[in-house]
Amino acid sequence: MITFGVDQKQEREDKGEESGVKYHRIERTSQFQRRAMRMPENACLEEGKMKASYENGTLKVCCPKKSTSKEQGKRIEIA
């Protein structure tokens, strides 16, 4: 399973004068979202081998397949 999160912080500042009274207002918002998704069994989830990119609102996660050797293969005997 792979988990990824997004932390969005925004700050808005407003200064002005209204009816002879000066004001300074700051609004801060913070939002954190987390998602988890299952990956295929043959996906290599080692930290240094995975790559991710975010472009035009799309998150792309690339994981190489696990290397397989002949010993890990399934053996079926035919009589």
N, C-alpha and C. Protein backbone atom coordinates (compact mmCIF):
# COMPACT_ATOMS: atom_id res chain seq x y z
N MET A 1 0.85 -1.17 0.00
CA MET A 1 0.00 0.00 0.00
C MET A 1 0.90 1.24 0.00
N ILE A 2 0.49 2.23 -0.74
CA ILE A 2 1.23 3.48 -0.82
C ILE A 2 0.32 4.60 -0.31
N THR A 3 0.88 5.50 0.50
CA THR A 3 0.12 6.61 1.07
C THR A 3 0.80 7.92 0.67
N PHE A 4 0.00 8.89 0.27
CA PHE A 4 0.56 10.19 -0.05
C PHE A 4 -0.38 11.27 0.47
N GLY A 5 0.19 12.44 0.75
CA GLY A 5 -0.62 13.51 1.31
C GLY A 5 -0.28 14.86 0.71
N VAL A 6 -1.23 15.77 0.85
CA VAL A 6 -1.08 17.14 0.33
C VAL A 6 -1.41 18.10 1.47
N ASP A 7 -0.53 19.06 1.69
CA ASP A 7 -0.74 20.07 2.71
C ASP A 7 -0.89 21.42 2.01
N GLN A 8 -2.07 22.02 2.10
CA GLN A 8 -2.34 23.30 1.45
C GLN A 8 -2.49 24.38 2.52
N LYS A 9 -1.69 25.43 2.38
CA LYS A 9 -1.78 26.56 3.30
C LYS A 9 -1.98 27.82 2.49
N GLN A 10 -2.91 28.65 2.94
CA GLN A 10 -3.18 29.91 2.27
C GLN A 10 -3.24 31.02 3.32
N GLU A 11 -2.80 32.20 2.91
CA GLU A 11 -2.85 33.36 3.78
C GLU A 11 -3.33 34.55 2.96
N ARG A 12 -4.29 35.26 3.48
CA ARG A 12 -4.83 36.44 2.80
C ARG A 12 -4.76 37.62 3.75
N GLU A 13 -4.17 38.71 3.27
CA GLU A 13 -4.00 39.90 4.11
C GLU A 13 -4.77 41.06 3.48
N ASP A 14 -5.45 41.79 4.31
CA ASP A 14 -6.27 42.90 3.84
C ASP A 14 -6.04 44.11 4.76
N LYS A 15 -5.61 45.22 4.18
CA LYS A 15 -5.41 46.46 4.94
C LYS A 15 -6.29 47.54 4.33
N GLY A 16 -6.79 48.40 5.15
CA GLY A 16 -7.61 49.47 4.61
C GLY A 16 -8.11 50.42 5.68
N GLU A 17 -9.00 51.27 5.24
CA GLU A 17 -9.59 52.24 6.15
C GLU A 17 -11.07 52.36 5.79
N GLU A 18 -11.87 52.30 6.82
CA GLU A 18 -13.32 52.36 6.62
C GLU A 18 -13.93 53.27 7.68
N SER A 19 -14.64 54.30 7.28
CA SER A 19 -15.27 55.26 8.19
C SER A 19 -14.25 55.88 9.15
N GLY A 20 -13.05 56.18 8.65
CA GLY A 20 -12.01 56.80 9.47
C GLY A 20 -11.29 55.84 10.39
N VAL A 21 -11.60 54.56 10.31
CA VAL A 21 -10.95 53.55 11.16
C VAL A 21 -10.08 52.67 10.28
N LYS A 22 -8.80 52.58 10.66
CA LYS A 22 -7.88 51.72 9.91
C LYS A 22 -8.01 50.29 10.43
N TYR A 23 -7.86 49.34 9.50
CA TYR A 23 -7.90 47.94 9.92
C TYR A 23 -6.85 47.13 9.15
N HIS A 24 -6.48 46.05 9.75
CA HIS A 24 -5.52 45.10 9.17
C HIS A 24 -6.03 43.71 9.52
N ARG A 25 -6.42 42.97 8.50
CA ARG A 25 -7.01 41.65 8.72
C ARG A 25 -6.17 40.59 8.01
N ILE A 26 -5.90 39.50 8.69
CA ILE A 26 -5.16 38.38 8.11
C ILE A 26 -6.00 37.12 8.32
N GLU A 27 -6.22 36.40 7.23
CA GLU A 27 -6.94 35.13 7.31
C GLU A 27 -6.00 34.02 6.89
N ARG A 28 -5.94 32.98 7.69
CA ARG A 28 -5.08 31.83 7.38
C ARG A 28 -5.93 30.57 7.37
N THR A 29 -5.70 29.75 6.37
CA THR A 29 -6.38 28.45 6.31
C THR A 29 -5.33 27.38 6.05
N SER A 30 -5.58 26.21 6.57
CA SER A 30 -4.69 25.08 6.38
C SER A 30 -5.55 23.85 6.15
N GLN A 31 -5.13 23.03 5.19
CA GLN A 31 -5.90 21.84 4.85
C GLN A 31 -4.93 20.72 4.50
N PHE A 32 -5.14 19.54 5.06
CA PHE A 32 -4.30 18.39 4.78
C PHE A 32 -5.19 17.25 4.30
N GLN A 33 -4.81 16.66 3.20
CA GLN A 33 -5.55 15.52 2.65
C GLN A 33 -4.59 14.35 2.48
N ARG A 34 -5.07 13.17 2.81
CA ARG A 34 -4.24 11.97 2.68
C ARG A 34 -5.02 10.92 1.90
N ARG A 35 -4.34 10.23 1.03
CA ARG A 35 -4.94 9.16 0.25
C ARG A 35 -4.04 7.93 0.34
N ALA A 36 -4.66 6.76 0.28
CA ALA A 36 -3.92 5.50 0.27
C ALA A 36 -4.46 4.67 -0.88
N MET A 37 -3.57 3.97 -1.54
CA MET A 37 -4.01 3.11 -2.64
C MET A 37 -3.18 1.84 -2.64
N ARG A 38 -3.82 0.77 -3.06
CA ARG A 38 -3.13 -0.52 -3.15
C ARG A 38 -2.34 -0.58 -4.44
N MET A 39 -1.18 -1.19 -4.35
CA MET A 39 -0.33 -1.36 -5.51
C MET A 39 -0.28 -2.86 -5.84
N PRO A 40 0.00 -3.19 -7.09
CA PRO A 40 0.12 -4.61 -7.45
C PRO A 40 1.24 -5.28 -6.66
N GLU A 41 1.13 -6.59 -6.50
CA GLU A 41 2.13 -7.34 -5.72
C GLU A 41 3.52 -7.26 -6.34
N ASN A 42 3.60 -7.09 -7.66
CA ASN A 42 4.92 -7.07 -8.30
C ASN A 42 5.51 -5.66 -8.39
N ALA A 43 4.91 -4.67 -7.71
CA ALA A 43 5.45 -3.31 -7.72
C ALA A 43 6.55 -3.18 -6.68
N CYS A 44 7.66 -2.58 -7.06
CA CYS A 44 8.78 -2.35 -6.16
C CYS A 44 8.53 -1.04 -5.42
N LEU A 45 8.31 -1.11 -4.11
CA LEU A 45 7.96 0.08 -3.34
C LEU A 45 9.14 0.60 -2.52
N GLU A 46 10.35 0.40 -3.01
CA GLU A 46 11.53 0.93 -2.33
C GLU A 46 11.60 2.43 -2.54
N GLU A 47 11.99 3.15 -1.50
CA GLU A 47 11.92 4.61 -1.52
C GLU A 47 12.74 5.25 -2.64
N GLY A 48 13.92 4.79 -2.91
CA GLY A 48 14.77 5.41 -3.92
C GLY A 48 14.39 5.08 -5.35
N LYS A 49 13.55 4.09 -5.56
CA LYS A 49 13.23 3.64 -6.92
C LYS A 49 11.92 4.22 -7.46
N MET A 50 11.09 4.76 -6.59
CA MET A 50 9.81 5.31 -7.03
C MET A 50 9.99 6.76 -7.49
N LYS A 51 9.17 7.18 -8.44
CA LYS A 51 9.20 8.56 -8.93
C LYS A 51 7.77 9.08 -8.97
N ALA A 52 7.62 10.37 -8.69
CA ALA A 52 6.30 10.99 -8.73
C ALA A 52 6.41 12.38 -9.34
N SER A 53 5.35 12.77 -10.05
CA SER A 53 5.30 14.12 -10.61
C SER A 53 3.86 14.62 -10.53
N TYR A 54 3.71 15.93 -10.46
CA TYR A 54 2.39 16.55 -10.37
C TYR A 54 2.33 17.63 -11.44
N GLU A 55 1.39 17.49 -12.37
CA GLU A 55 1.28 18.43 -13.47
C GLU A 55 -0.18 18.60 -13.87
N ASN A 56 -0.63 19.82 -13.97
CA ASN A 56 -2.00 20.14 -14.39
C ASN A 56 -3.05 19.41 -13.56
N GLY A 57 -2.85 19.31 -12.25
CA GLY A 57 -3.82 18.67 -11.37
C GLY A 57 -3.79 17.16 -11.38
N THR A 58 -2.79 16.55 -12.03
CA THR A 58 -2.70 15.09 -12.09
C THR A 58 -1.42 14.62 -11.41
N LEU A 59 -1.56 13.70 -10.47
CA LEU A 59 -0.42 13.10 -9.79
C LEU A 59 -0.07 11.81 -10.50
N LYS A 60 1.18 11.66 -10.92
CA LYS A 60 1.64 10.46 -11.61
C LYS A 60 2.70 9.80 -10.75
N VAL A 61 2.47 8.55 -10.35
CA VAL A 61 3.41 7.78 -9.53
C VAL A 61 3.91 6.61 -10.36
N CYS A 62 5.22 6.50 -10.50
CA CYS A 62 5.84 5.41 -11.28
C CYS A 62 6.63 4.51 -10.35
N CYS A 63 6.31 3.22 -10.38
CA CYS A 63 7.01 2.21 -9.58
C CYS A 63 7.51 1.13 -10.52
N PRO A 64 8.79 0.79 -10.45
CA PRO A 64 9.26 -0.30 -11.30
C PRO A 64 8.75 -1.65 -10.78
N LYS A 65 8.76 -2.63 -11.65
CA LYS A 65 8.37 -3.97 -11.22
C LYS A 65 9.52 -4.59 -10.43
N LYS A 66 9.17 -5.49 -9.51
CA LYS A 66 10.20 -6.21 -8.77
C LYS A 66 10.95 -7.11 -9.72
N SER A 67 12.25 -7.22 -9.48
CA SER A 67 13.02 -8.12 -10.33
C SER A 67 12.71 -9.56 -9.92
N THR A 68 12.54 -10.40 -10.90
CA THR A 68 12.22 -11.79 -10.62
C THR A 68 13.39 -12.66 -11.06
N SER A 69 13.62 -13.67 -10.31
CA SER A 69 14.64 -14.64 -10.69
C SER A 69 13.96 -15.97 -10.99
N LYS A 70 14.68 -16.87 -11.60
CA LYS A 70 14.10 -18.16 -11.96
C LYS A 70 13.69 -18.96 -10.74
N GLU A 71 14.34 -18.72 -9.61
CA GLU A 71 14.00 -19.45 -8.39
C GLU A 71 12.65 -19.02 -7.84
N GLN A 72 12.23 -17.81 -8.10
CA GLN A 72 10.96 -17.33 -7.58
C GLN A 72 9.78 -17.78 -8.44
N GLY A 73 10.05 -18.28 -9.61
CA GLY A 73 8.98 -18.68 -10.52
C GLY A 73 8.21 -19.89 -9.99
N LYS A 74 7.08 -20.14 -10.59
CA LYS A 74 6.23 -21.25 -10.20
C LYS A 74 6.63 -22.46 -11.03
N ARG A 75 6.75 -23.61 -10.42
CA ARG A 75 7.16 -24.82 -11.11
C ARG A 75 6.00 -25.80 -11.13
N ILE A 76 5.65 -26.25 -12.30
CA ILE A 76 4.56 -27.23 -12.46
C ILE A 76 5.14 -28.48 -13.11
N GLU A 77 4.96 -29.62 -12.46
CA GLU A 77 5.46 -30.88 -13.03
C GLU A 77 4.36 -31.52 -13.84
N ILE A 78 4.73 -32.02 -14.99
CA ILE A 78 3.79 -32.70 -15.87
C ILE A 78 4.15 -34.19 -15.87
N ALA A 79 3.19 -35.02 -15.56
CA ALA A 79 3.47 -36.47 -15.48
C ALA A 79 3.28 -37.15 -16.79
